[in-house]
Amino acid sequence: MKKLLSFFIVASLMVMALAGSLTAADRTLTVRKTSALVSTDWDRITTTSDAQIICINVFEGLYGINEARGGYYNELAKEVKISEDQLTYTITLNDATFQNGLPLKASDVV
């Protein structure tokens, strides 16, 4: 019995040591949605969880905001340049395609 208890204590300590060395991304828990989407039409969404899923998967932005670390990160934007008067943003797009294989163009963003 003592050997079994010792084994569990050592195993628990090893798991805790490994968990401490993981990055934040490795420690992220992803939970599946427990029910089907009401609709994939963003205009017919009735729940907050459906809206989050559709917005994340359908409306990817040019860049996002990382509130935890502060600042912005690029998504579809390869580069963002701001004019000296800070009124004009020039955004270079990444090479990206839609699900149907058509390339992303500036007119799609506008």
N, C-alpha and C. Protein backbone atom coordinates (compact mmCIF):
# COMPACT_ATOMS: atom_id res chain seq x y z
N MET A 1 0.82 -1.20 0.00
CA MET A 1 0.00 0.00 0.00
C MET A 1 0.86 1.26 0.00
N LYS A 2 1.95 1.22 0.79
CA LYS A 2 2.84 2.38 0.87
C LYS A 2 3.50 2.64 -0.49
N LYS A 3 3.85 1.54 -1.20
CA LYS A 3 4.48 1.69 -2.51
C LYS A 3 3.51 2.35 -3.49
N LEU A 4 2.25 1.94 -3.45
CA LEU A 4 1.24 2.50 -4.34
C LEU A 4 1.02 3.98 -4.04
N LEU A 5 0.93 4.32 -2.78
CA LEU A 5 0.78 5.72 -2.38
C LEU A 5 1.99 6.55 -2.80
N SER A 6 3.18 6.01 -2.61
CA SER A 6 4.41 6.69 -3.03
C SER A 6 4.42 6.90 -4.53
N PHE A 7 3.98 5.89 -5.27
CA PHE A 7 3.93 6.01 -6.72
C PHE A 7 3.01 7.15 -7.15
N PHE A 8 1.84 7.22 -6.54
CA PHE A 8 0.89 8.29 -6.89
C PHE A 8 1.42 9.67 -6.50
N ILE A 9 2.10 9.77 -5.41
CA ILE A 9 2.67 11.05 -5.00
C ILE A 9 3.75 11.48 -5.98
N VAL A 10 4.64 10.57 -6.36
CA VAL A 10 5.70 10.89 -7.32
C VAL A 10 5.10 11.24 -8.67
N ALA A 11 4.11 10.48 -9.11
CA ALA A 11 3.46 10.75 -10.40
C ALA A 11 2.78 12.12 -10.37
N SER A 12 2.13 12.46 -9.27
CA SER A 12 1.48 13.76 -9.14
C SER A 12 2.50 14.89 -9.19
N LEU A 13 3.62 14.72 -8.54
CA LEU A 13 4.67 15.74 -8.55
C LEU A 13 5.24 15.92 -9.95
N MET A 14 5.40 14.82 -10.68
CA MET A 14 5.91 14.90 -12.05
C MET A 14 4.93 15.64 -12.96
N VAL A 15 3.65 15.35 -12.80
CA VAL A 15 2.63 16.02 -13.60
C VAL A 15 2.62 17.51 -13.30
N MET A 16 2.71 17.87 -12.02
CA MET A 16 2.73 19.29 -11.65
C MET A 16 3.98 19.98 -12.20
N ALA A 17 5.10 19.30 -12.18
CA ALA A 17 6.34 19.89 -12.70
C ALA A 17 6.23 20.11 -14.20
N LEU A 18 5.66 19.14 -14.91
CA LEU A 18 5.47 19.29 -16.36
C LEU A 18 4.47 20.38 -16.68
N ALA A 19 3.40 20.46 -15.90
CA ALA A 19 2.38 21.48 -16.14
C ALA A 19 2.94 22.87 -15.95
N GLY A 20 3.86 23.03 -15.03
CA GLY A 20 4.47 24.34 -14.80
C GLY A 20 5.36 24.78 -15.95
N SER A 21 5.86 23.84 -16.74
CA SER A 21 6.76 24.19 -17.85
C SER A 21 6.02 24.40 -19.17
N LEU A 22 4.72 24.23 -19.17
CA LEU A 22 3.94 24.42 -20.39
C LEU A 22 3.72 25.90 -20.64
N THR A 23 3.58 26.25 -21.92
CA THR A 23 3.27 27.64 -22.27
C THR A 23 1.78 27.89 -22.05
N ALA A 24 1.38 29.15 -22.13
CA ALA A 24 -0.03 29.50 -21.94
C ALA A 24 -0.90 28.82 -22.99
N ALA A 25 -0.40 28.72 -24.22
CA ALA A 25 -1.18 28.07 -25.28
C ALA A 25 -1.39 26.60 -24.97
N ASP A 26 -0.38 25.95 -24.38
CA ASP A 26 -0.50 24.53 -24.05
C ASP A 26 -1.46 24.30 -22.89
N ARG A 27 -1.68 25.33 -22.08
CA ARG A 27 -2.57 25.19 -20.93
C ARG A 27 -3.98 25.69 -21.22
N THR A 28 -4.26 26.03 -22.48
CA THR A 28 -5.58 26.52 -22.85
C THR A 28 -6.54 25.35 -22.99
N LEU A 29 -7.66 25.45 -22.33
CA LEU A 29 -8.68 24.42 -22.41
C LEU A 29 -9.69 24.82 -23.48
N THR A 30 -9.88 23.97 -24.47
CA THR A 30 -10.86 24.22 -25.51
C THR A 30 -12.07 23.34 -25.25
N VAL A 31 -13.23 23.96 -25.16
CA VAL A 31 -14.46 23.23 -24.86
C VAL A 31 -15.34 23.24 -26.10
N ARG A 32 -15.83 22.07 -26.47
CA ARG A 32 -16.73 21.97 -27.61
C ARG A 32 -18.09 22.53 -27.26
N LYS A 33 -18.77 23.02 -28.29
CA LYS A 33 -20.14 23.47 -28.12
C LYS A 33 -21.02 22.25 -27.95
N THR A 34 -21.94 22.29 -27.01
CA THR A 34 -22.75 21.10 -26.69
C THR A 34 -23.99 20.96 -27.56
N SER A 35 -24.32 21.99 -28.34
CA SER A 35 -25.48 21.89 -29.21
C SER A 35 -25.13 22.46 -30.58
N ALA A 36 -25.95 22.15 -31.56
CA ALA A 36 -25.70 22.62 -32.92
C ALA A 36 -25.93 24.12 -33.02
N LEU A 37 -25.27 24.73 -34.01
CA LEU A 37 -25.53 26.15 -34.28
C LEU A 37 -26.98 26.32 -34.72
N VAL A 38 -27.59 27.40 -34.28
CA VAL A 38 -28.96 27.70 -34.70
C VAL A 38 -28.96 27.99 -36.20
N SER A 39 -27.94 28.73 -36.64
CA SER A 39 -27.81 29.08 -38.05
C SER A 39 -26.37 29.49 -38.31
N THR A 40 -25.94 29.37 -39.56
CA THR A 40 -24.63 29.91 -39.93
C THR A 40 -24.79 31.27 -40.61
N ASP A 41 -26.01 31.74 -40.69
CA ASP A 41 -26.29 33.08 -41.21
C ASP A 41 -26.17 34.05 -40.05
N TRP A 42 -25.16 34.93 -40.11
CA TRP A 42 -24.87 35.80 -38.97
C TRP A 42 -26.05 36.70 -38.62
N ASP A 43 -26.96 36.92 -39.56
CA ASP A 43 -28.12 37.77 -39.30
C ASP A 43 -29.23 37.04 -38.53
N ARG A 44 -29.13 35.72 -38.43
CA ARG A 44 -30.17 34.92 -37.75
C ARG A 44 -29.69 34.30 -36.44
N ILE A 45 -28.52 34.66 -36.01
CA ILE A 45 -27.97 34.09 -34.77
C ILE A 45 -28.76 34.61 -33.58
N THR A 46 -29.07 33.69 -32.66
CA THR A 46 -29.89 34.07 -31.51
C THR A 46 -29.18 33.92 -30.17
N THR A 47 -28.02 33.30 -30.15
CA THR A 47 -27.33 33.10 -28.87
C THR A 47 -25.93 33.70 -28.92
N THR A 48 -25.42 34.06 -27.76
CA THR A 48 -24.09 34.64 -27.68
C THR A 48 -23.02 33.64 -28.11
N SER A 49 -23.16 32.39 -27.70
CA SER A 49 -22.14 31.39 -28.06
C SER A 49 -22.10 31.17 -29.58
N ASP A 50 -23.26 31.17 -30.23
CA ASP A 50 -23.28 31.04 -31.70
C ASP A 50 -22.63 32.26 -32.35
N ALA A 51 -22.90 33.45 -31.81
CA ALA A 51 -22.32 34.67 -32.36
C ALA A 51 -20.80 34.64 -32.25
N GLN A 52 -20.27 34.17 -31.14
CA GLN A 52 -18.82 34.08 -30.98
C GLN A 52 -18.22 33.13 -32.00
N ILE A 53 -18.82 31.99 -32.20
CA ILE A 53 -18.31 31.00 -33.14
C ILE A 53 -18.34 31.55 -34.56
N ILE A 54 -19.45 32.13 -34.96
CA ILE A 54 -19.58 32.66 -36.31
C ILE A 54 -18.62 33.83 -36.53
N CYS A 55 -18.53 34.73 -35.58
CA CYS A 55 -17.64 35.89 -35.74
C CYS A 55 -16.19 35.47 -35.85
N ILE A 56 -15.78 34.50 -35.06
CA ILE A 56 -14.39 34.04 -35.10
C ILE A 56 -14.10 33.29 -36.40
N ASN A 57 -15.02 32.45 -36.85
CA ASN A 57 -14.77 31.62 -38.01
C ASN A 57 -15.12 32.26 -39.34
N VAL A 58 -15.98 33.26 -39.35
CA VAL A 58 -16.40 33.87 -40.60
C VAL A 58 -15.77 35.24 -40.79
N PHE A 59 -15.70 36.02 -39.74
CA PHE A 59 -15.23 37.39 -39.86
C PHE A 59 -13.85 37.55 -39.25
N GLU A 60 -12.86 36.98 -39.90
CA GLU A 60 -11.49 37.16 -39.43
C GLU A 60 -11.07 38.58 -39.76
N GLY A 61 -10.44 39.24 -38.82
CA GLY A 61 -10.08 40.64 -39.02
C GLY A 61 -8.72 40.83 -39.66
N LEU A 62 -8.42 42.07 -39.98
CA LEU A 62 -7.10 42.41 -40.50
C LEU A 62 -6.07 42.28 -39.39
N TYR A 63 -6.43 42.69 -38.20
CA TYR A 63 -5.57 42.53 -37.04
C TYR A 63 -6.46 42.43 -35.81
N GLY A 64 -5.90 41.91 -34.75
CA GLY A 64 -6.66 41.75 -33.52
C GLY A 64 -5.96 42.47 -32.38
N ILE A 65 -6.63 42.55 -31.26
CA ILE A 65 -6.10 43.21 -30.08
C ILE A 65 -5.87 42.15 -29.00
N ASN A 66 -4.67 42.13 -28.46
CA ASN A 66 -4.35 41.22 -27.38
C ASN A 66 -4.43 42.01 -26.08
N GLU A 67 -5.55 41.92 -25.40
CA GLU A 67 -5.76 42.71 -24.19
C GLU A 67 -4.86 42.26 -23.05
N ALA A 68 -4.51 40.98 -23.00
CA ALA A 68 -3.68 40.48 -21.91
C ALA A 68 -2.26 41.02 -22.00
N ARG A 69 -1.71 41.08 -23.20
CA ARG A 69 -0.34 41.54 -23.38
C ARG A 69 -0.26 42.97 -23.88
N GLY A 70 -1.38 43.52 -24.30
CA GLY A 70 -1.39 44.87 -24.85
C GLY A 70 -0.89 44.87 -26.28
N GLY A 71 -1.41 45.76 -27.06
CA GLY A 71 -0.96 45.87 -28.44
C GLY A 71 -1.80 45.06 -29.42
N TYR A 72 -1.35 45.08 -30.64
CA TYR A 72 -2.07 44.43 -31.74
C TYR A 72 -1.25 43.27 -32.29
N TYR A 73 -1.94 42.37 -32.99
CA TYR A 73 -1.26 41.30 -33.72
C TYR A 73 -1.95 41.17 -35.07
N ASN A 74 -1.18 40.79 -36.08
CA ASN A 74 -1.71 40.68 -37.44
C ASN A 74 -2.48 39.39 -37.62
N GLU A 75 -3.57 39.48 -38.35
CA GLU A 75 -4.32 38.30 -38.76
C GLU A 75 -4.24 38.24 -40.29
N LEU A 76 -5.13 38.92 -40.99
CA LEU A 76 -5.06 38.95 -42.46
C LEU A 76 -4.09 40.02 -42.95
N ALA A 77 -3.73 40.95 -42.11
CA ALA A 77 -2.78 42.00 -42.49
C ALA A 77 -1.36 41.48 -42.36
N LYS A 78 -0.58 41.70 -43.41
CA LYS A 78 0.83 41.36 -43.35
C LYS A 78 1.60 42.49 -42.69
N GLU A 79 1.19 43.71 -43.02
CA GLU A 79 1.87 44.88 -42.50
C GLU A 79 0.86 46.03 -42.41
N VAL A 80 0.95 46.83 -41.36
CA VAL A 80 0.09 48.00 -41.20
C VAL A 80 0.99 49.22 -41.02
N LYS A 81 0.84 50.18 -41.94
CA LYS A 81 1.61 51.43 -41.84
C LYS A 81 0.63 52.57 -41.58
N ILE A 82 0.98 53.42 -40.64
CA ILE A 82 0.14 54.57 -40.28
C ILE A 82 0.88 55.83 -40.71
N SER A 83 0.16 56.73 -41.38
CA SER A 83 0.78 57.96 -41.86
C SER A 83 1.20 58.83 -40.67
N GLU A 84 2.05 59.82 -40.96
CA GLU A 84 2.56 60.69 -39.89
C GLU A 84 1.44 61.44 -39.18
N ASP A 85 0.39 61.84 -39.94
CA ASP A 85 -0.73 62.54 -39.31
C ASP A 85 -1.71 61.57 -38.65
N GLN A 86 -1.42 60.28 -38.74
CA GLN A 86 -2.21 59.19 -38.15
C GLN A 86 -3.65 59.17 -38.63
N LEU A 87 -3.88 59.61 -39.89
CA LEU A 87 -5.21 59.59 -40.47
C LEU A 87 -5.35 58.55 -41.57
N THR A 88 -4.23 58.06 -42.10
CA THR A 88 -4.27 57.10 -43.21
C THR A 88 -3.55 55.82 -42.80
N TYR A 89 -4.25 54.71 -42.94
CA TYR A 89 -3.68 53.40 -42.67
C TYR A 89 -3.46 52.70 -44.01
N THR A 90 -2.25 52.22 -44.25
CA THR A 90 -1.95 51.45 -45.45
C THR A 90 -1.70 50.02 -44.99
N ILE A 91 -2.55 49.11 -45.45
CA ILE A 91 -2.49 47.72 -44.98
C ILE A 91 -2.12 46.81 -46.13
N THR A 92 -1.03 46.07 -45.97
CA THR A 92 -0.63 45.06 -46.95
C THR A 92 -1.23 43.74 -46.48
N LEU A 93 -1.95 43.07 -47.39
CA LEU A 93 -2.64 41.83 -47.03
C LEU A 93 -1.74 40.60 -47.19
N ASN A 94 -1.95 39.62 -46.33
CA ASN A 94 -1.31 38.32 -46.50
C ASN A 94 -1.91 37.62 -47.71
N ASP A 95 -1.17 36.68 -48.27
CA ASP A 95 -1.73 35.85 -49.33
C ASP A 95 -2.71 34.88 -48.66
N ALA A 96 -3.98 35.09 -48.92
CA ALA A 96 -5.01 34.25 -48.29
C ALA A 96 -6.08 33.93 -49.32
N THR A 97 -6.78 32.84 -49.10
CA THR A 97 -7.86 32.45 -50.00
C THR A 97 -9.12 32.17 -49.18
N PHE A 98 -10.24 32.32 -49.84
CA PHE A 98 -11.52 31.97 -49.24
C PHE A 98 -11.70 30.46 -49.31
N GLN A 99 -12.73 29.95 -48.66
CA GLN A 99 -12.98 28.51 -48.66
C GLN A 99 -13.21 27.96 -50.06
N ASN A 100 -13.70 28.81 -50.98
CA ASN A 100 -13.94 28.34 -52.34
C ASN A 100 -12.68 28.44 -53.21
N GLY A 101 -11.55 28.86 -52.64
CA GLY A 101 -10.30 28.91 -53.36
C GLY A 101 -9.97 30.25 -54.00
N LEU A 102 -10.91 31.20 -54.00
CA LEU A 102 -10.65 32.51 -54.59
C LEU A 102 -9.71 33.31 -53.69
N PRO A 103 -8.77 34.05 -54.28
CA PRO A 103 -7.83 34.82 -53.47
C PRO A 103 -8.47 36.02 -52.81
N LEU A 104 -7.96 36.40 -51.65
CA LEU A 104 -8.40 37.60 -50.95
C LEU A 104 -7.85 38.82 -51.68
N LYS A 105 -8.70 39.80 -51.93
CA LYS A 105 -8.31 41.05 -52.60
C LYS A 105 -8.65 42.23 -51.69
N ALA A 106 -8.04 43.38 -51.99
CA ALA A 106 -8.31 44.58 -51.21
C ALA A 106 -9.79 44.95 -51.29
N SER A 107 -10.41 44.74 -52.45
CA SER A 107 -11.83 45.09 -52.60
C SER A 107 -12.71 44.25 -51.68
N ASP A 108 -12.27 43.04 -51.32
CA ASP A 108 -13.04 42.21 -50.38
C ASP A 108 -13.03 42.82 -48.99
N VAL A 109 -11.95 43.46 -48.63
CA VAL A 109 -11.82 44.06 -47.31
C VAL A 109 -12.60 45.36 -47.24
N VAL A 110 -12.52 46.14 -48.33
CA VAL A 110 -13.22 47.43 -48.35
C VAL A 110 -14.69 47.20 -48.19
